[in-house]
């Protein structure tokens, strides 16, 4: 009776390939998918002209249904990527809100 063996390198490649197949994204297990809220800046426009305190920024975030607040100072460079979960608050040098928008 003759036995054949798999070379060690081939065995490692076979094992790593089979393990990689198990390491994908988690699957949805059923039920409704979680709703993604998108920012809506309109309800937060009341803040224009107000000083951007921590309480005002939190209320802007809450009123706009955003998950993140980005305060943009005068002359500050910002990324141009769009995020439906972010509300942008433009302020002047005195930290007064000039504008509220999503993105």
N, C-alpha and C. Protein backbone atom coordinates (compact mmCIF):
# COMPACT_ATOMS: atom_id res chain seq x y z
N UNK A 1 0.83 -1.17 0.00
CA UNK A 1 0.00 0.00 0.00
C UNK A 1 0.88 1.24 0.00
N UNK A 2 0.59 2.11 -0.93
CA UNK A 2 1.39 3.32 -1.09
C UNK A 2 0.62 4.52 -0.56
N UNK A 3 1.25 5.34 0.24
CA UNK A 3 0.63 6.56 0.74
C UNK A 3 1.28 7.76 0.08
N UNK A 4 0.43 8.74 -0.23
CA UNK A 4 0.96 9.97 -0.78
C UNK A 4 0.78 11.06 0.24
N UNK A 5 1.71 11.94 0.29
CA UNK A 5 1.59 13.06 1.23
C UNK A 5 1.55 14.36 0.45
N UNK A 6 0.91 15.32 1.04
CA UNK A 6 0.80 16.65 0.45
C UNK A 6 2.02 17.44 0.89
N UNK A 7 2.71 18.08 -0.05
CA UNK A 7 3.86 18.90 0.35
C UNK A 7 3.42 19.96 1.36
N UNK A 8 4.27 20.31 2.32
CA UNK A 8 3.90 21.28 3.37
C UNK A 8 3.42 22.63 2.83
N UNK A 9 4.03 23.15 1.79
CA UNK A 9 3.62 24.43 1.23
C UNK A 9 2.21 24.34 0.66
N UNK A 10 1.91 23.29 -0.04
CA UNK A 10 0.57 23.11 -0.61
C UNK A 10 -0.46 22.97 0.50
N UNK A 11 -0.12 22.28 1.57
CA UNK A 11 -1.04 22.12 2.69
C UNK A 11 -1.33 23.47 3.35
N UNK A 12 -0.31 24.30 3.49
CA UNK A 12 -0.50 25.63 4.08
C UNK A 12 -1.38 26.50 3.20
N UNK A 13 -1.16 26.46 1.89
CA UNK A 13 -1.98 27.25 0.97
C UNK A 13 -3.43 26.80 1.00
N UNK A 14 -3.64 25.48 1.03
CA UNK A 14 -5.00 24.95 1.07
C UNK A 14 -5.70 25.36 2.37
N UNK A 15 -5.01 25.27 3.49
CA UNK A 15 -5.58 25.64 4.77
C UNK A 15 -5.88 27.13 4.83
N UNK A 16 -4.96 27.98 4.36
CA UNK A 16 -5.19 29.43 4.43
C UNK A 16 -6.34 29.86 3.52
N UNK A 17 -6.48 29.20 2.37
CA UNK A 17 -7.58 29.52 1.47
C UNK A 17 -8.91 29.16 2.10
N UNK A 18 -8.98 28.00 2.73
CA UNK A 18 -10.24 27.60 3.34
C UNK A 18 -10.59 28.47 4.54
N UNK A 19 -9.59 28.91 5.29
CA UNK A 19 -9.86 29.79 6.43
C UNK A 19 -10.27 31.18 5.96
N UNK A 20 -9.70 31.65 4.88
CA UNK A 20 -10.04 32.98 4.36
C UNK A 20 -11.51 33.03 3.93
N UNK A 21 -12.04 31.93 3.47
CA UNK A 21 -13.44 31.89 3.06
C UNK A 21 -14.37 32.10 4.25
N UNK A 22 -13.92 31.80 5.43
CA UNK A 22 -14.74 31.95 6.64
C UNK A 22 -14.67 33.34 7.24
N UNK A 23 -13.78 34.16 6.77
CA UNK A 23 -13.53 35.44 7.40
C UNK A 23 -14.20 36.61 6.69
N UNK A 24 -15.35 36.41 6.10
CA UNK A 24 -16.05 37.48 5.40
C UNK A 24 -16.79 38.40 6.35
N UNK A 25 -17.61 39.28 5.77
CA UNK A 25 -18.43 40.19 6.57
C UNK A 25 -19.51 39.41 7.30
N UNK A 26 -19.93 39.88 8.48
CA UNK A 26 -21.02 39.19 9.16
C UNK A 26 -22.29 39.26 8.33
N UNK A 27 -23.01 38.18 8.34
CA UNK A 27 -24.24 38.11 7.57
C UNK A 27 -25.40 38.67 8.38
N UNK A 28 -26.39 39.20 7.68
CA UNK A 28 -27.61 39.67 8.32
C UNK A 28 -28.39 38.45 8.78
N UNK A 29 -28.80 38.43 10.03
CA UNK A 29 -29.42 37.24 10.59
C UNK A 29 -30.94 37.24 10.52
N UNK A 30 -31.51 38.16 9.81
CA UNK A 30 -32.96 38.18 9.67
C UNK A 30 -33.56 39.40 10.34
N UNK A 31 -34.82 39.60 10.13
CA UNK A 31 -35.49 40.77 10.68
C UNK A 31 -35.22 41.99 9.83
N UNK A 32 -35.82 43.11 10.18
CA UNK A 32 -35.64 44.32 9.37
C UNK A 32 -34.22 44.85 9.51
N UNK A 33 -33.71 45.40 8.44
CA UNK A 33 -32.39 46.03 8.48
C UNK A 33 -32.50 47.33 9.28
N UNK A 34 -31.44 47.67 10.03
CA UNK A 34 -31.50 48.93 10.79
C UNK A 34 -31.61 50.12 9.84
N UNK A 35 -32.46 51.05 10.19
CA UNK A 35 -32.67 52.23 9.34
C UNK A 35 -31.49 53.18 9.48
N UNK A 36 -31.02 53.67 8.38
CA UNK A 36 -29.95 54.66 8.39
C UNK A 36 -30.59 56.03 8.34
N UNK A 37 -30.28 56.84 9.32
CA UNK A 37 -30.83 58.19 9.33
C UNK A 37 -29.95 59.10 8.51
N UNK A 38 -30.57 59.94 7.75
CA UNK A 38 -29.83 60.92 6.96
C UNK A 38 -30.05 62.29 7.58
N UNK A 39 -29.04 63.10 7.51
CA UNK A 39 -29.08 64.45 8.05
C UNK A 39 -30.10 65.30 7.28
N UNK A 40 -30.80 66.14 8.02
CA UNK A 40 -31.70 67.15 7.44
C UNK A 40 -31.44 68.44 8.21
N UNK A 41 -30.76 69.39 7.59
CA UNK A 41 -30.33 70.61 8.27
C UNK A 41 -31.46 71.61 8.52
N UNK A 42 -32.57 71.50 7.81
CA UNK A 42 -33.64 72.50 7.92
C UNK A 42 -34.11 72.72 9.35
N UNK A 43 -34.39 71.67 10.14
CA UNK A 43 -34.86 71.91 11.52
C UNK A 43 -33.82 72.54 12.44
N UNK A 44 -32.56 72.57 12.01
CA UNK A 44 -31.50 73.12 12.86
C UNK A 44 -31.09 74.53 12.47
N UNK A 45 -31.76 75.11 11.50
CA UNK A 45 -31.36 76.45 11.04
C UNK A 45 -31.70 77.54 12.06
N UNK A 46 -32.44 77.21 13.09
CA UNK A 46 -32.74 78.15 14.17
C UNK A 46 -31.45 78.64 14.82
N UNK A 47 -30.35 77.86 14.67
CA UNK A 47 -29.11 78.17 15.35
C UNK A 47 -28.30 79.28 14.68
N UNK A 48 -28.67 79.65 13.46
CA UNK A 48 -27.93 80.71 12.77
C UNK A 48 -28.05 82.00 13.58
N UNK A 49 -26.90 82.59 13.89
CA UNK A 49 -26.86 83.80 14.71
C UNK A 49 -26.60 83.53 16.17
N UNK A 50 -26.67 82.27 16.59
CA UNK A 50 -26.40 81.90 17.98
C UNK A 50 -24.93 81.56 18.16
N UNK A 51 -24.42 81.67 19.39
CA UNK A 51 -23.05 81.26 19.69
C UNK A 51 -23.02 79.73 19.73
N UNK A 52 -22.02 79.15 19.11
CA UNK A 52 -21.92 77.68 19.00
C UNK A 52 -21.34 77.07 20.27
N UNK A 53 -22.13 77.04 21.32
CA UNK A 53 -21.72 76.39 22.55
C UNK A 53 -21.90 74.88 22.39
N UNK A 54 -21.42 74.11 23.35
CA UNK A 54 -21.58 72.66 23.31
C UNK A 54 -23.06 72.28 23.29
N UNK A 55 -23.88 72.99 24.07
CA UNK A 55 -25.31 72.69 24.12
C UNK A 55 -25.99 73.00 22.79
N UNK A 56 -25.62 74.11 22.16
CA UNK A 56 -26.19 74.48 20.86
C UNK A 56 -25.79 73.45 19.81
N UNK A 57 -24.53 73.05 19.80
CA UNK A 57 -24.07 72.06 18.82
C UNK A 57 -24.77 70.71 19.00
N UNK A 58 -24.99 70.31 20.24
CA UNK A 58 -25.70 69.06 20.49
C UNK A 58 -27.14 69.15 20.01
N UNK A 59 -27.78 70.29 20.24
CA UNK A 59 -29.16 70.44 19.77
C UNK A 59 -29.22 70.47 18.24
N UNK A 60 -28.24 71.09 17.59
CA UNK A 60 -28.17 71.08 16.13
C UNK A 60 -28.05 69.64 15.65
N UNK A 61 -27.16 68.86 16.27
CA UNK A 61 -26.99 67.45 15.90
C UNK A 61 -28.29 66.68 16.06
N UNK A 62 -28.94 66.87 17.17
CA UNK A 62 -30.19 66.17 17.45
C UNK A 62 -31.31 66.59 16.49
N UNK A 63 -31.47 67.89 16.31
CA UNK A 63 -32.54 68.40 15.45
C UNK A 63 -32.36 68.01 13.99
N UNK A 64 -31.11 67.84 13.56
CA UNK A 64 -30.84 67.51 12.16
C UNK A 64 -30.77 65.99 11.92
N UNK A 65 -30.94 65.21 12.98
CA UNK A 65 -30.83 63.74 12.90
C UNK A 65 -29.45 63.30 12.42
N UNK A 66 -28.44 64.10 12.69
CA UNK A 66 -27.07 63.73 12.31
C UNK A 66 -26.44 62.93 13.43
N UNK A 67 -25.42 62.18 13.07
CA UNK A 67 -24.66 61.43 14.07
C UNK A 67 -23.40 62.18 14.48
N UNK A 68 -22.93 63.06 13.61
CA UNK A 68 -21.67 63.77 13.83
C UNK A 68 -21.86 65.25 13.51
N UNK A 69 -21.22 66.11 14.31
CA UNK A 69 -21.22 67.56 14.05
C UNK A 69 -19.79 67.95 13.68
N UNK A 70 -19.66 68.69 12.58
CA UNK A 70 -18.35 69.22 12.20
C UNK A 70 -18.46 70.73 12.22
N UNK A 71 -17.69 71.36 13.11
CA UNK A 71 -17.65 72.82 13.20
C UNK A 71 -16.55 73.31 12.28
N UNK A 72 -16.89 74.23 11.39
CA UNK A 72 -15.94 74.75 10.41
C UNK A 72 -15.63 76.20 10.75
N UNK A 73 -14.39 76.44 11.15
CA UNK A 73 -13.91 77.77 11.52
C UNK A 73 -13.55 78.55 10.25
N UNK A 74 -13.46 79.89 10.33
CA UNK A 74 -13.07 80.69 9.16
C UNK A 74 -11.69 80.26 8.64
N UNK A 75 -11.60 80.02 7.34
CA UNK A 75 -10.34 79.65 6.72
C UNK A 75 -9.91 78.21 6.94
N UNK A 76 -10.69 77.45 7.67
CA UNK A 76 -10.33 76.07 7.96
C UNK A 76 -10.52 75.20 6.71
N UNK A 77 -9.53 74.37 6.42
CA UNK A 77 -9.64 73.44 5.31
C UNK A 77 -10.40 72.21 5.79
N UNK A 78 -11.31 71.73 4.96
CA UNK A 78 -12.08 70.53 5.30
C UNK A 78 -12.07 69.58 4.10
N UNK A 79 -12.31 68.32 4.38
CA UNK A 79 -12.40 67.35 3.30
C UNK A 79 -13.70 67.58 2.53
N UNK A 80 -13.72 67.18 1.30
CA UNK A 80 -14.90 67.37 0.46
C UNK A 80 -15.76 66.12 0.39
N UNK A 81 -15.43 65.11 1.18
CA UNK A 81 -16.24 63.90 1.16
C UNK A 81 -17.61 64.19 1.76
N UNK A 82 -18.62 63.51 1.25
CA UNK A 82 -19.98 63.72 1.72
C UNK A 82 -20.35 62.61 2.70
N UNK A 83 -20.93 62.97 3.81
CA UNK A 83 -21.43 62.00 4.77
C UNK A 83 -22.87 62.38 5.12
N UNK A 84 -23.80 61.49 4.82
CA UNK A 84 -25.22 61.75 5.12
C UNK A 84 -25.48 61.76 6.62
N UNK A 85 -24.52 61.32 7.41
CA UNK A 85 -24.69 61.27 8.86
C UNK A 85 -24.06 62.48 9.56
N UNK A 86 -23.56 63.46 8.79
CA UNK A 86 -22.84 64.58 9.39
C UNK A 86 -23.55 65.91 9.10
N UNK A 87 -23.57 66.77 10.12
CA UNK A 87 -24.05 68.13 9.95
C UNK A 87 -22.84 69.06 10.10
N UNK A 88 -22.70 69.97 9.13
CA UNK A 88 -21.62 70.96 9.17
C UNK A 88 -22.17 72.27 9.72
N UNK A 89 -21.42 72.85 10.65
CA UNK A 89 -21.80 74.12 11.26
C UNK A 89 -20.68 75.12 10.97
N UNK A 90 -20.94 76.09 10.12
CA UNK A 90 -19.95 77.13 9.81
C UNK A 90 -20.10 78.24 10.84
N UNK A 91 -18.97 78.64 11.42
CA UNK A 91 -18.98 79.70 12.44
C UNK A 91 -18.01 80.80 12.02
N UNK A 92 -18.20 82.01 12.61
CA UNK A 92 -17.28 83.11 12.35
C UNK A 92 -16.20 83.13 13.43
N UNK A 93 -15.36 84.14 13.42
CA UNK A 93 -14.27 84.24 14.38
C UNK A 93 -14.76 84.35 15.82
N UNK A 94 -15.98 84.83 16.01
CA UNK A 94 -16.55 84.93 17.36
C UNK A 94 -17.35 83.69 17.76
N UNK A 95 -17.25 82.63 16.97
CA UNK A 95 -17.95 81.36 17.20
C UNK A 95 -19.47 81.47 17.05
N UNK A 96 -19.91 82.44 16.26
CA UNK A 96 -21.34 82.60 15.96
C UNK A 96 -21.66 81.77 14.72
N UNK A 97 -22.75 81.04 14.77
CA UNK A 97 -23.15 80.15 13.67
C UNK A 97 -23.57 81.00 12.46
N UNK A 98 -22.91 80.73 11.34
CA UNK A 98 -23.23 81.41 10.08
C UNK A 98 -24.10 80.54 9.18
N UNK A 99 -23.98 79.23 9.30
CA UNK A 99 -24.74 78.33 8.44
C UNK A 99 -24.73 76.92 8.96
N UNK A 100 -25.76 76.17 8.61
CA UNK A 100 -25.89 74.77 8.99
C UNK A 100 -26.27 74.00 7.73
N UNK A 101 -25.48 72.98 7.42
CA UNK A 101 -25.76 72.16 6.23
C UNK A 101 -25.35 70.72 6.49
N UNK A 102 -25.82 69.82 5.70
CA UNK A 102 -25.48 68.41 5.84
C UNK A 102 -24.34 68.06 4.90
N UNK A 103 -23.57 67.12 5.31
CA UNK A 103 -22.53 66.67 4.42
C UNK A 103 -21.29 66.28 5.09
